[in-house]
Amino acid sequence: MLIRLASIIALLTLPHASCATTQSVGSAEAACVVATARVTAQNGLSTSHVSFCDHIAEVDSPAGYYVMALRAHCREEICGSTNMGWFAVQKATGTVFEVDDVTDWKLGRRVPDVR
């Protein structure tokens, strides 16, 4: 619950997370905020649609990236997967990429900045 609260506070303090900026990302939690803002904006969803980020350990992620799956809230009595997709956030720039292949962390297309 505290992580969710921290994410909400971080989203409120980063009103331009979806704007075209080059800003380094210093933690997996900050990367979650950036990915959530960009992916939900691209899909016309509220950031509250994302329940949490399922982070991959830094030692298992590609160098220079935070990798995570965005997980949606389960709104049904019985849920299948809540995975909204796998994403990588570049530490140096905050750029968000889709992950095409999780077996070797192959990066896919860039998630565009939505204004």
PDB file of N, CA and C in Angstrom:
ATOM      1  N   MET A   1       0.827  -1.189   0.000  1.00  0.00           N
ATOM      2  CA  MET A   1       0.000   0.000   0.000  1.00  0.00           C
ATOM      3  C   MET A   1       0.869   1.249   0.000  1.00  0.00           C
ATOM      4  N   LEU A   2       1.968   1.226   0.760  1.00  0.00           N
ATOM      5  CA  LEU A   2       2.858   2.387   0.788  1.00  0.00           C
ATOM      6  C   LEU A   2       3.513   2.626  -0.560  1.00  0.00           C
ATOM      7  N   ILE A   3       3.843   1.534  -1.272  1.00  0.00           N
ATOM      8  CA  ILE A   3       4.442   1.694  -2.599  1.00  0.00           C
ATOM      9  C   ILE A   3       3.447   2.349  -3.541  1.00  0.00           C
ATOM     10  N   ARG A   4       2.188   1.921  -3.483  1.00  0.00           N
ATOM     11  CA  ARG A   4       1.149   2.519  -4.332  1.00  0.00           C
ATOM     12  C   ARG A   4       0.972   4.000  -3.993  1.00  0.00           C
ATOM     13  N   LEU A   5       0.972   4.333  -2.702  1.00  0.00           N
ATOM     14  CA  LEU A   5       0.850   5.720  -2.285  1.00  0.00           C
ATOM     15  C   LEU A   5       2.048   6.525  -2.772  1.00  0.00           C
ATOM     16  N   ALA A   6       3.239   5.968  -2.668  1.00  0.00           N
ATOM     17  CA  ALA A   6       4.443   6.664  -3.135  1.00  0.00           C
ATOM     18  C   ALA A   6       4.376   6.892  -4.643  1.00  0.00           C
ATOM     19  N   SER A   7       3.841   5.918  -5.375  1.00  0.00           N
ATOM     20  CA  SER A   7       3.700   6.074  -6.825  1.00  0.00           C
ATOM     21  C   SER A   7       2.723   7.185  -7.172  1.00  0.00           C
ATOM     22  N   ILE A   8       1.624   7.249  -6.451  1.00  0.00           N
ATOM     23  CA  ILE A   8       0.632   8.302  -6.693  1.00  0.00           C
ATOM     24  C   ILE A   8       1.236   9.672  -6.408  1.00  0.00           C
ATOM     25  N   ILE A   9       1.940   9.777  -5.292  1.00  0.00           N
ATOM     26  CA  ILE A   9       2.594  11.052  -4.956  1.00  0.00           C
ATOM     27  C   ILE A   9       3.619  11.419  -6.018  1.00  0.00           C
ATOM     28  N   ALA A  10       4.386  10.434  -6.476  1.00  0.00           N
ATOM     29  CA  ALA A  10       5.384  10.703  -7.507  1.00  0.00           C
ATOM     30  C   ALA A  10       4.723  11.166  -8.800  1.00  0.00           C
ATOM     31  N   LEU A  11       3.594  10.558  -9.163  1.00  0.00           N
ATOM     32  CA  LEU A  11       2.876  10.992 -10.362  1.00  0.00           C
ATOM     33  C   LEU A  11       2.386  12.428 -10.238  1.00  0.00           C
ATOM     34  N   LEU A  12       1.941  12.784  -9.050  1.00  0.00           N
ATOM     35  CA  LEU A  12       1.464  14.143  -8.841  1.00  0.00           C
ATOM     36  C   LEU A  12       2.597  15.165  -8.875  1.00  0.00           C
ATOM     37  N   THR A  13       3.787  14.754  -8.477  1.00  0.00           N
ATOM     38  CA  THR A  13       4.921  15.681  -8.469  1.00  0.00           C
ATOM     39  C   THR A  13       5.647  15.714  -9.798  1.00  0.00           C
ATOM     40  N   LEU A  14       5.281  14.830 -10.728  1.00  0.00           N
ATOM     41  CA  LEU A  14       5.884  14.817 -12.056  1.00  0.00           C
ATOM     42  C   LEU A  14       4.807  15.078 -13.101  1.00  0.00           C
ATOM     43  N   PRO A  15       4.232  16.278 -13.123  1.00  0.00           N
ATOM     44  CA  PRO A  15       3.111  16.526 -14.022  1.00  0.00           C
ATOM     45  C   PRO A  15       3.479  16.444 -15.489  1.00  0.00           C
ATOM     46  N   HIS A  16       4.752  16.553 -15.800  1.00  0.00           N
ATOM     47  CA  HIS A  16       5.169  16.536 -17.196  1.00  0.00           C
ATOM     48  C   HIS A  16       5.906  15.260 -17.540  1.00  0.00           C
ATOM     49  N   ALA A  17       5.653  14.177 -16.837  1.00  0.00           N
ATOM     50  CA  ALA A  17       6.339  12.925 -17.116  1.00  0.00           C
ATOM     51  C   ALA A  17       6.064  12.426 -18.526  1.00  0.00           C
ATOM     52  N   SER A  18       4.938  12.812 -19.105  1.00  0.00           N
ATOM     53  CA  SER A  18       4.640  12.353 -20.446  1.00  0.00           C
ATOM     54  C   SER A  18       5.091  13.349 -21.513  1.00  0.00           C
ATOM     55  N   CYS A  19       5.655  14.459 -21.122  1.00  0.00           N
ATOM     56  CA  CYS A  19       6.123  15.438 -22.080  1.00  0.00           C
ATOM     57  C   CYS A  19       7.496  15.044 -22.601  1.00  0.00           C
ATOM     58  N   ALA A  20       7.840  15.567 -23.752  1.00  0.00           N
ATOM     59  CA  ALA A  20       9.119  15.258 -24.366  1.00  0.00           C
ATOM     60  C   ALA A  20      10.245  15.933 -23.590  1.00  0.00           C
ATOM     61  N   THR A  21      10.876  15.172 -22.746  1.00  0.00           N
ATOM     62  CA  THR A  21      12.004  15.677 -21.985  1.00  0.00           C
ATOM     63  C   THR A  21      13.057  14.598 -21.910  1.00  0.00           C
ATOM     64  N   THR A  22      14.280  15.020 -21.726  1.00  0.00           N
ATOM     65  CA  THR A  22      15.354  14.081 -21.479  1.00  0.00           C
ATOM     66  C   THR A  22      15.781  14.297 -20.052  1.00  0.00           C
ATOM     67  N   GLN A  23      15.412  13.353 -19.218  1.00  0.00           N
ATOM     68  CA  GLN A  23      15.709  13.464 -17.801  1.00  0.00           C
ATOM     69  C   GLN A  23      16.078  12.086 -17.290  1.00  0.00           C
ATOM     70  N   SER A  24      17.207  12.009 -16.615  1.00  0.00           N
ATOM     71  CA  SER A  24      17.647  10.718 -16.113  1.00  0.00           C
ATOM     72  C   SER A  24      16.666  10.184 -15.075  1.00  0.00           C
ATOM     73  N   VAL A  25      16.655   8.867 -14.944  1.00  0.00           N
ATOM     74  CA  VAL A  25      15.788   8.180 -13.996  1.00  0.00           C
ATOM     75  C   VAL A  25      16.705   7.442 -13.031  1.00  0.00           C
ATOM     76  N   GLY A  26      16.552   7.704 -11.738  1.00  0.00           N
ATOM     77  CA  GLY A  26      17.500   7.196 -10.762  1.00  0.00           C
ATOM     78  C   GLY A  26      17.063   5.995  -9.951  1.00  0.00           C
ATOM     79  N   SER A  27      15.856   5.480 -10.181  1.00  0.00           N
ATOM     80  CA  SER A  27      15.414   4.323  -9.406  1.00  0.00           C
ATOM     81  C   SER A  27      14.351   3.566 -10.196  1.00  0.00           C
ATOM     82  N   ALA A  28      14.142   2.319  -9.809  1.00  0.00           N
ATOM     83  CA  ALA A  28      13.103   1.514 -10.443  1.00  0.00           C
ATOM     84  C   ALA A  28      11.725   2.121 -10.201  1.00  0.00           C
ATOM     85  N   GLU A  29      11.530   2.709  -9.018  1.00  0.00           N
ATOM     86  CA  GLU A  29      10.241   3.332  -8.704  1.00  0.00           C
ATOM     87  C   GLU A  29       9.980   4.541  -9.599  1.00  0.00           C
ATOM     88  N   ALA A  30      11.010   5.352  -9.822  1.00  0.00           N
ATOM     89  CA  ALA A  30      10.867   6.504 -10.718  1.00  0.00           C
ATOM     90  C   ALA A  30      10.614   6.036 -12.148  1.00  0.00           C
ATOM     91  N   ALA A  31      11.268   4.958 -12.553  1.00  0.00           N
ATOM     92  CA  ALA A  31      11.049   4.397 -13.890  1.00  0.00           C
ATOM     93  C   ALA A  31       9.613   3.920 -14.038  1.00  0.00           C
ATOM     94  N   CYS A  32       9.057   3.347 -12.974  1.00  0.00           N
ATOM     95  CA  CYS A  32       7.665   2.907 -12.974  1.00  0.00           C
ATOM     96  C   CYS A  32       6.733   4.094 -13.206  1.00  0.00           C
ATOM     97  N   VAL A  33       7.001   5.196 -12.554  1.00  0.00           N
ATOM     98  CA  VAL A  33       6.176   6.399 -12.699  1.00  0.00           C
ATOM     99  C   VAL A  33       6.216   6.898 -14.142  1.00  0.00           C
ATOM    100  N   VAL A  34       7.409   6.953 -14.719  1.00  0.00           N
ATOM    101  CA  VAL A  34       7.566   7.438 -16.097  1.00  0.00           C
ATOM    102  C   VAL A  34       6.869   6.491 -17.063  1.00  0.00           C
ATOM    103  N   ALA A  35       7.104   5.185 -16.934  1.00  0.00           N
ATOM    104  CA  ALA A  35       6.474   4.215 -17.832  1.00  0.00           C
ATOM    105  C   ALA A  35       4.956   4.256 -17.707  1.00  0.00           C
ATOM    106  N   THR A  36       4.462   4.328 -16.486  1.00  0.00           N
ATOM    107  CA  THR A  36       3.015   4.385 -16.257  1.00  0.00           C
ATOM    108  C   THR A  36       2.414   5.609 -16.939  1.00  0.00           C
ATOM    109  N   ALA A  37       3.036   6.760 -16.766  1.00  0.00           N
ATOM    110  CA  ALA A  37       2.528   7.992 -17.370  1.00  0.00           C
ATOM    111  C   ALA A  37       2.503   7.900 -18.889  1.00  0.00           C
ATOM    112  N   ARG A  38       3.575   7.402 -19.486  1.00  0.00           N
ATOM    113  CA  ARG A  38       3.652   7.348 -20.954  1.00  0.00           C
ATOM    114  C   ARG A  38       2.713   6.303 -21.539  1.00  0.00           C
ATOM    115  N   VAL A  39       2.700   5.115 -20.962  1.00  0.00           N
ATOM    116  CA  VAL A  39       1.892   4.030 -21.522  1.00  0.00           C
ATOM    117  C   VAL A  39       0.401   4.319 -21.360  1.00  0.00           C
ATOM    118  N   THR A  40      -0.005   4.808 -20.212  1.00  0.00           N
ATOM    119  CA  THR A  40      -1.426   5.107 -20.024  1.00  0.00           C
ATOM    120  C   THR A  40      -1.857   6.276 -20.906  1.00  0.00           C
ATOM    121  N   ALA A  41      -1.018   7.285 -21.039  1.00  0.00           N
ATOM    122  CA  ALA A  41      -1.357   8.418 -21.915  1.00  0.00           C
ATOM    123  C   ALA A  41      -1.495   7.953 -23.362  1.00  0.00           C
ATOM    124  N   GLN A  42      -0.601   7.097 -23.797  1.00  0.00           N
ATOM    125  CA  GLN A  42      -0.650   6.588 -25.167  1.00  0.00           C
ATOM    126  C   GLN A  42      -1.928   5.804 -25.420  1.00  0.00           C
ATOM    127  N   ASN A  43      -2.422   5.130 -24.399  1.00  0.00           N
ATOM    128  CA  ASN A  43      -3.613   4.295 -24.547  1.00  0.00           C
ATOM    129  C   ASN A  43      -4.895   4.963 -24.070  1.00  0.00           C
ATOM    130  N   GLY A  44      -4.820   6.240 -23.717  1.00  0.00           N
ATOM    131  CA  GLY A  44      -6.000   6.974 -23.292  1.00  0.00           C
ATOM    132  C   GLY A  44      -6.580   6.486 -21.980  1.00  0.00           C
ATOM    133  N   LEU A  45      -5.710   6.030 -21.085  1.00  0.00           N
ATOM    134  CA  LEU A  45      -6.145   5.511 -19.785  1.00  0.00           C
ATOM    135  C   LEU A  45      -5.682   6.427 -18.664  1.00  0.00           C
ATOM    136  N   SER A  46      -6.361   6.342 -17.554  1.00  0.00           N
ATOM    137  CA  SER A  46      -5.914   7.037 -16.349  1.00  0.00           C
ATOM    138  C   SER A  46      -4.719   6.282 -15.778  1.00  0.00           C
ATOM    139  N   THR A  47      -3.816   7.005 -15.136  1.00  0.00           N
ATOM    140  CA  THR A  47      -2.677   6.341 -14.504  1.00  0.00           C
ATOM    141  C   THR A  47      -3.129   5.368 -13.417  1.00  0.00           C
ATOM    142  N   SER A  48      -4.322   5.567 -12.871  1.00  0.00           N
ATOM    143  CA  SER A  48      -4.833   4.651 -11.848  1.00  0.00           C
ATOM    144  C   SER A  48      -5.172   3.279 -12.422  1.00  0.00           C
ATOM    145  N   HIS A  49      -5.166   3.148 -13.741  1.00  0.00           N
ATOM    146  CA  HIS A  49      -5.397   1.847 -14.378  1.00  0.00           C
ATOM    147  C   HIS A  49      -4.284   0.859 -14.024  1.00  0.00           C
ATOM    148  N   VAL A  50      -3.072   1.388 -13.781  1.00  0.00           N
ATOM    149  CA  VAL A  50      -1.927   0.543 -13.429  1.00  0.00           C
ATOM    150  C   VAL A  50      -1.945   0.290 -11.927  1.00  0.00           C
ATOM    151  N   SER A  51      -1.913  -0.967 -11.569  1.00  0.00           N
ATOM    152  CA  SER A  51      -1.909  -1.355 -10.162  1.00  0.00           C
ATOM    153  C   SER A  51      -0.501  -1.290  -9.580  1.00  0.00           C
ATOM    154  N   PHE A  52       0.464  -1.841 -10.320  1.00  0.00           N
ATOM    155  CA  PHE A  52       1.848  -1.832  -9.860  1.00  0.00           C
ATOM    156  C   PHE A  52       2.778  -2.198 -11.001  1.00  0.00           C
ATOM    157  N   CYS A  53       4.054  -1.993 -10.779  1.00  0.00           N
ATOM    158  CA  CYS A  53       5.086  -2.392 -11.719  1.00  0.00           C
ATOM    159  C   CYS A  53       5.787  -3.620 -11.167  1.00  0.00           C
ATOM    160  N   ASP A  54       5.927  -4.599 -12.020  1.00  0.00           N
ATOM    161  CA  ASP A  54       6.599  -5.846 -11.671  1.00  0.00           C
ATOM    162  C   ASP A  54       8.031  -5.735 -12.189  1.00  0.00           C
ATOM    163  N   HIS A  55       8.937  -5.282 -11.320  1.00  0.00           N
ATOM    164  CA  HIS A  55      10.310  -4.969 -11.721  1.00  0.00           C
ATOM    165  C   HIS A  55      11.174  -6.213 -11.881  1.00  0.00           C
ATOM    166  N   ILE A  56      12.071  -6.145 -12.826  1.00  0.00           N
ATOM    167  CA  ILE A  56      13.119  -7.145 -12.989  1.00  0.00           C
ATOM    168  C   ILE A  56      14.336  -6.617 -12.248  1.00  0.00           C
ATOM    169  N   ALA A  57      15.043  -7.479 -11.550  1.00  0.00           N
ATOM    170  CA  ALA A  57      16.237  -7.050 -10.821  1.00  0.00           C
ATOM    171  C   ALA A  57      17.230  -6.391 -11.768  1.00  0.00           C
ATOM    172  N   GLU A  58      17.891  -5.338 -11.278  1.00  0.00           N
ATOM    173  CA  GLU A  58      18.857  -4.617 -12.113  1.00  0.00           C
ATOM    174  C   GLU A  58      19.926  -5.536 -12.686  1.00  0.00           C
ATOM    175  N   VAL A  59      20.371  -6.513 -11.906  1.00  0.00           N
ATOM    176  CA  VAL A  59      21.426  -7.413 -12.388  1.00  0.00           C
ATOM    177  C   VAL A  59      20.942  -8.274 -13.549  1.00  0.00           C
ATOM    178  N   ASP A  60      19.635  -8.446 -13.688  1.00  0.00           N
ATOM    179  CA  ASP A  60      19.071  -9.247 -14.776  1.00  0.00           C
ATOM    180  C   ASP A  60      18.573  -8.399 -15.939  1.00  0.00           C
ATOM    181  N   SER A  61      18.616  -7.081 -15.791  1.00  0.00           N
ATOM    182  CA  SER A  61      18.142  -6.161 -16.835  1.00  0.00           C
ATOM    183  C   SER A  61      19.284  -5.765 -17.750  1.00  0.00           C
ATOM    184  N   PRO A  62      18.963  -5.329 -18.970  1.00  0.00           N
ATOM    185  CA  PRO A  62      20.018  -4.822 -19.854  1.00  0.00           C
ATOM    186  C   PRO A  62      20.709  -3.623 -19.202  1.00  0.00           C
ATOM    187  N   ALA A  63      21.991  -3.501 -19.422  1.00  0.00           N
ATOM    188  CA  ALA A  63      22.757  -2.388 -18.850  1.00  0.00           C
ATOM    189  C   ALA A  63      22.133  -1.065 -19.270  1.00  0.00           C
ATOM    190  N   GLY A  64      21.939  -0.191 -18.294  1.00  0.00           N
ATOM    191  CA  GLY A  64      21.418   1.145 -18.570  1.00  0.00           C
ATOM    192  C   GLY A  64      19.905   1.253 -18.606  1.00  0.00           C
ATOM    193  N   TYR A  65      19.200   0.181 -18.234  1.00  0.00           N
ATOM    194  CA  TYR A  65      17.740   0.192 -18.299  1.00  0.00           C
ATOM    195  C   TYR A  65      17.126  -0.388 -17.029  1.00  0.00           C
ATOM    196  N   TYR A  66      15.944   0.116 -16.694  1.00  0.00           N
ATOM    197  CA  TYR A  66      15.068  -0.514 -15.711  1.00  0.00           C
ATOM    198  C   TYR A  66      13.994  -1.230 -16.527  1.00  0.00           C
ATOM    199  N   VAL A  67      13.775  -2.509 -16.252  1.00  0.00           N
ATOM    200  CA  VAL A  67      12.794  -3.290 -17.004  1.00  0.00           C
ATOM    201  C   VAL A  67      11.667  -3.706 -16.062  1.00  0.00           C
ATOM    202  N   MET A  68      10.440  -3.604 -16.552  1.00  0.00           N
ATOM    203  CA  MET A  68       9.279  -3.933 -15.731  1.00  0.00           C
ATOM    204  C   MET A  68       8.089  -4.302 -16.594  1.00  0.00           C
ATOM    205  N   ALA A  69       7.163  -5.033 -15.991  1.00  0.00           N
ATOM    206  CA  ALA A  69       5.845  -5.256 -16.573  1.00  0.00           C
ATOM    207  C   ALA A  69       4.893  -4.325 -15.845  1.00  0.00           C
ATOM    208  N   LEU A  70       4.017  -3.683 -16.582  1.00  0.00           N
ATOM    209  CA  LEU A  70       2.964  -2.884 -15.957  1.00  0.00           C
ATOM    210  C   LEU A  70       1.772  -3.803 -15.735  1.00  0.00           C
ATOM    211  N   ARG A  71       1.258  -3.816 -14.523  1.00  0.00           N
ATOM    212  CA  ARG A  71       0.135  -4.678 -14.161  1.00  0.00           C
ATOM    213  C   ARG A  71      -1.096  -3.832 -13.875  1.00  0.00           C
ATOM    214  N   ALA A  72      -2.199  -4.206 -14.508  1.00  0.00           N
ATOM    215  CA  ALA A  72      -3.469  -3.501 -14.316  1.00  0.00           C
ATOM    216  C   ALA A  72      -4.202  -4.079 -13.107  1.00  0.00           C
ATOM    217  N   HIS A  73      -5.189  -3.346 -12.629  1.00  0.00           N
ATOM    218  CA  HIS A  73      -6.069  -3.849 -11.576  1.00  0.00           C
ATOM    219  C   HIS A  73      -6.951  -4.954 -12.151  1.00  0.00           C
ATOM    220  N   CYS A  74      -7.248  -5.935 -11.349  1.00  0.00           N
ATOM    221  CA  CYS A  74      -8.192  -6.984 -11.730  1.00  0.00           C
ATOM    222  C   CYS A  74      -9.583  -6.486 -11.375  1.00  0.00           C
ATOM    223  N   ARG A  75     -10.444  -6.341 -12.356  1.00  0.00           N
ATOM    224  CA  ARG A  75     -11.795  -5.841 -12.137  1.00  0.00           C
ATOM    225  C   ARG A  75     -12.843  -6.953 -12.207  1.00  0.00           C
ATOM    226  N   GLU A  76     -12.400  -8.180 -12.353  1.00  0.00           N
ATOM    227  CA  GLU A  76     -13.307  -9.312 -12.496  1.00  0.00           C
ATOM    228  C   GLU A  76     -13.204 -10.227 -11.278  1.00  0.00           C
ATOM    229  N   GLU A  77     -14.183 -11.106 -11.126  1.00  0.00           N
ATOM    230  CA  GLU A  77     -14.154 -12.073 -10.034  1.00  0.00           C
ATOM    231  C   GLU A  77     -13.000 -13.054 -10.227  1.00  0.00           C
ATOM    232  N   ILE A  78     -12.807 -13.484 -11.463  1.00  0.00           N
ATOM    233  CA  ILE A  78     -11.695 -14.371 -11.802  1.00  0.00           C
ATOM    234  C   ILE A  78     -10.885 -13.676 -12.887  1.00  0.00           C
ATOM    235  N   CYS A  79      -9.588 -13.486 -12.638  1.00  0.00           N
ATOM    236  CA  CYS A  79      -8.737 -12.777 -13.590  1.00  0.00           C
ATOM    237  C   CYS A  79      -7.743 -13.709 -14.259  1.00  0.00           C
ATOM    238  N   GLY A  80      -7.495 -13.418 -15.488  1.00  0.00           N
ATOM    239  CA  GLY A  80      -6.372 -14.031 -16.182  1.00  0.00           C
ATOM    240  C   GLY A  80      -5.171 -13.124 -15.941  1.00  0.00           C
ATOM    241  N   SER A  81      -4.425 -12.873 -16.949  1.00  0.00           N
ATOM    242  CA  SER A  81      -3.262 -12.005 -16.819  1.00  0.00           C
ATOM    243  C   SER A  81      -3.678 -10.541 -16.731  1.00  0.00           C
ATOM    244  N   THR A  82      -3.012  -9.807 -15.875  1.00  0.00           N
ATOM    245  CA  THR A  82      -3.223  -8.356 -15.807  1.00  0.00           C
ATOM    246  C   THR A  82      -2.041  -7.613 -16.417  1.00  0.00           C
ATOM    247  N   ASN A  83      -1.171  -8.344 -17.101  1.00  0.00           N
ATOM    248  CA  ASN A  83       0.026  -7.752 -17.701  1.00  0.00           C
ATOM    249  C   ASN A  83      -0.355  -6.842 -18.869  1.00  0.00           C
ATOM    250  N   MET A  84       0.011  -5.569 -18.762  1.00  0.00           N
ATOM    251  CA  MET A  84      -0.233  -4.599 -19.828  1.00  0.00           C
ATOM    252  C   MET A  84       0.920  -4.562 -20.817  1.00  0.00           C
ATOM    253  N   GLY A  85       1.990  -5.267 -20.526  1.00  0.00           N
ATOM    254  CA  GLY A  85       3.151  -5.307 -21.400  1.00  0.00           C
ATOM    255  C   GLY A  85       4.434  -5.121 -20.614  1.00  0.00           C
ATOM    256  N   TRP A  86       5.533  -5.449 -21.277  1.00  0.00           N
ATOM    257  CA  TRP A  86       6.866  -5.269 -20.694  1.00  0.00           C
ATOM    258  C   TRP A  86       7.490  -4.017 -21.279  1.00  0.00           C
ATOM    259  N   PHE A  87       8.160  -3.242 -20.411  1.00  0.00           N
ATOM    260  CA  PHE A  87       8.743  -1.970 -20.827  1.00  0.00           C
ATOM    261  C   PHE A  87      10.124  -1.795 -20.214  1.00  0.00           C
ATOM    262  N   ALA A  88      10.953  -1.059 -20.917  1.00  0.00           N
ATOM    263  CA  ALA A  88      12.293  -0.732 -20.432  1.00  0.00           C
ATOM    264  C   ALA A  88      12.419   0.778 -20.427  1.00  0.00           C
ATOM    265  N   VAL A  89      12.910   1.330 -19.326  1.00  0.00           N
ATOM    266  CA  VAL A  89      13.123   2.772 -19.203  1.00  0.00           C
ATOM    267  C   VAL A  89      14.628   3.007 -19.159  1.00  0.00           C
ATOM    268  N   GLN A  90      15.104   3.802 -20.103  1.00  0.00           N
ATOM    269  CA  GLN A  90      16.536   4.097 -20.157  1.00  0.00           C
ATOM    270  C   GLN A  90      16.901   5.008 -18.996  1.00  0.00           C
ATOM    271  N   LYS A  91      17.883   4.585 -18.216  1.00  0.00           N
ATOM    272  CA  LYS A  91      18.271   5.331 -17.022  1.00  0.00           C
ATOM    273  C   LYS A  91      18.770   6.732 -17.360  1.00  0.00           C
ATOM    274  N   ALA A  92      19.551   6.884 -18.401  1.00  0.00           N
ATOM    275  CA  ALA A  92      20.179   8.166 -18.720  1.00  0.00           C
ATOM    276  C   ALA A  92      19.199   9.207 -19.240  1.00  0.00           C
ATOM    277  N   THR A  93      18.130   8.764 -19.921  1.00  0.00           N
ATOM    278  CA  THR A  93      17.241   9.717 -20.586  1.00  0.00           C
ATOM    279  C   THR A  93      15.784   9.646 -20.150  1.00  0.00           C
ATOM    280  N   GLY A  94      15.376   8.550 -19.525  1.00  0.00           N
ATOM    281  CA  GLY A  94      13.969   8.373 -19.187  1.00  0.00           C
ATOM    282  C   GLY A  94      13.118   7.936 -20.362  1.00  0.00           C
ATOM    283  N   THR A  95      13.747   7.611 -21.489  1.00  0.00           N
ATOM    284  CA  THR A  95      13.017   7.143 -22.659  1.00  0.00           C
ATOM    285  C   THR A  95      12.440   5.758 -22.370  1.00  0.00           C
ATOM    286  N   VAL A  96      11.187   5.546 -22.773  1.00  0.00           N
ATOM    287  CA  VAL A  96      10.494   4.286 -22.523  1.00  0.00           C
ATOM    288  C   VAL A  96      10.411   3.496 -23.829  1.00  0.00           C
ATOM    289  N   PHE A  97      10.745   2.208 -23.736  1.00  0.00           N
ATOM    290  CA  PHE A  97      10.668   1.300 -24.883  1.00  0.00           C
ATOM    291  C   PHE A  97       9.802   0.111 -24.527  1.00  0.00           C
ATOM    292  N   GLU A  98       9.095  -0.418 -25.519  1.00  0.00           N
ATOM    293  CA  GLU A  98       8.448  -1.707 -25.345  1.00  0.00           C
ATOM    294  C   GLU A  98       9.546  -2.756 -25.362  1.00  0.00           C
ATOM    295  N   VAL A  99       9.329  -3.860 -24.671  1.00  0.00           N
ATOM    296  CA  VAL A  99      10.265  -4.986 -24.730  1.00  0.00           C
ATOM    297  C   VAL A  99       9.624  -6.036 -25.626  1.00  0.00           C
ATOM    298  N   ASP A 100      10.286  -6.335 -26.745  1.00  0.00           N
ATOM    299  CA  ASP A 100       9.734  -7.281 -27.713  1.00  0.00           C
ATOM    300  C   ASP A 100       9.935  -8.733 -27.312  1.00  0.00           C
ATOM    301  N   ASP A 101      11.058  -9.020 -26.700  1.00  0.00           N
ATOM    302  CA  ASP A 101      11.377 -10.405 -26.376  1.00  0.00           C
ATOM    303  C   ASP A 101      11.957 -10.469 -24.969  1.00  0.00           C
ATOM    304  N   VAL A 102      11.189 -11.036 -24.035  1.00  0.00           N
ATOM    305  CA  VAL A 102      11.643 -11.072 -22.648  1.00  0.00           C
ATOM    306  C   VAL A 102      12.694 -12.147 -22.400  1.00  0.00           C
ATOM    307  N   THR A 103      12.899 -13.046 -23.352  1.00  0.00           N
ATOM    308  CA  THR A 103      13.929 -14.065 -23.148  1.00  0.00           C
ATOM    309  C   THR A 103      15.326 -13.479 -23.258  1.00  0.00           C
ATOM    310  N   ASP A 104      15.481 -12.436 -24.081  1.00  0.00           N
ATOM    311  CA  ASP A 104      16.798 -11.795 -24.191  1.00  0.00           C
ATOM    312  C   ASP A 104      16.714 -10.271 -24.027  1.00  0.00           C
ATOM    313  N   TRP A 105      15.561  -9.785 -23.538  1.00  0.00           N
ATOM    314  CA  TRP A 105      15.314  -8.364 -23.275  1.00  0.00           C
ATOM    315  C   TRP A 105      15.551  -7.503 -24.512  1.00  0.00           C
ATOM    316  N   LYS A 106      15.135  -8.003 -25.663  1.00  0.00           N
ATOM    317  CA  LYS A 106      15.247  -7.235 -26.903  1.00  0.00           C
ATOM    318  C   LYS A 106      14.262  -6.079 -26.868  1.00  0.00           C
ATOM    319  N   LEU A 107      14.794  -4.861 -27.035  1.00  0.00           N
ATOM    320  CA  LEU A 107      13.946  -3.669 -27.007  1.00  0.00           C
ATOM    321  C   LEU A 107      13.208  -3.507 -28.319  1.00  0.00           C
ATOM    322  N   GLY A 108      11.979  -3.043 -28.200  1.00  0.00           N
ATOM    323  CA  GLY A 108      11.146  -2.789 -29.363  1.00  0.00           C
ATOM    324  C   GLY A 108      11.023  -1.293 -29.609  1.00  0.00           C
ATOM    325  N   ARG A 109       9.866  -0.908 -30.055  1.00  0.00           N
ATOM    326  CA  ARG A 109       9.660   0.499 -30.418  1.00  0.00           C
ATOM    327  C   ARG A 109       9.618   1.390 -29.180  1.00  0.00           C
ATOM    328  N   ARG A 110       9.950   2.628 -29.413  1.00  0.00           N
ATOM    329  CA  ARG A 110       9.920   3.645 -28.369  1.00  0.00           C
ATOM    330  C   ARG A 110       8.467   4.019 -28.094  1.00  0.00           C
ATOM    331  N   VAL A 111       8.108   4.131 -26.837  1.00  0.00           N
ATOM    332  CA  VAL A 111       6.769   4.597 -26.471  1.00  0.00           C
ATOM    333  C   VAL A 111       6.796   6.114 -26.618  1.00  0.00           C
ATOM    334  N   PRO A 112       5.982   6.657 -27.501  1.00  0.00           N
ATOM    335  CA  PRO A 112       6.063   8.090 -27.773  1.00  0.00           C
ATOM    336  C   PRO A 112       5.653   8.943 -26.564  1.00  0.00           C
ATOM    337  N   ASP A 113       6.230  10.110 -26.506  1.00  0.00           N
ATOM    338  CA  ASP A 113       5.853  11.099 -25.499  1.00  0.00           C
ATOM    339  C   ASP A 113       4.523  11.682 -25.935  1.00  0.00           C
ATOM    340  N   VAL A 114       3.533  11.613 -25.078  1.00  0.00           N
ATOM    341  CA  VAL A 114       2.199  12.148 -25.392  1.00  0.00           C
ATOM    342  C   VAL A 114       2.044  13.451 -24.661  1.00  0.00           C
ATOM    343  N   ARG A 115       1.628  14.466 -25.379  1.00  0.00           N
ATOM    344  CA  ARG A 115       1.472  15.792 -24.754  1.00  0.00           C
ATOM    345  C   ARG A 115       0.036  16.129 -24.575  1.00  0.00           C
TER     346      ARG A 115
END
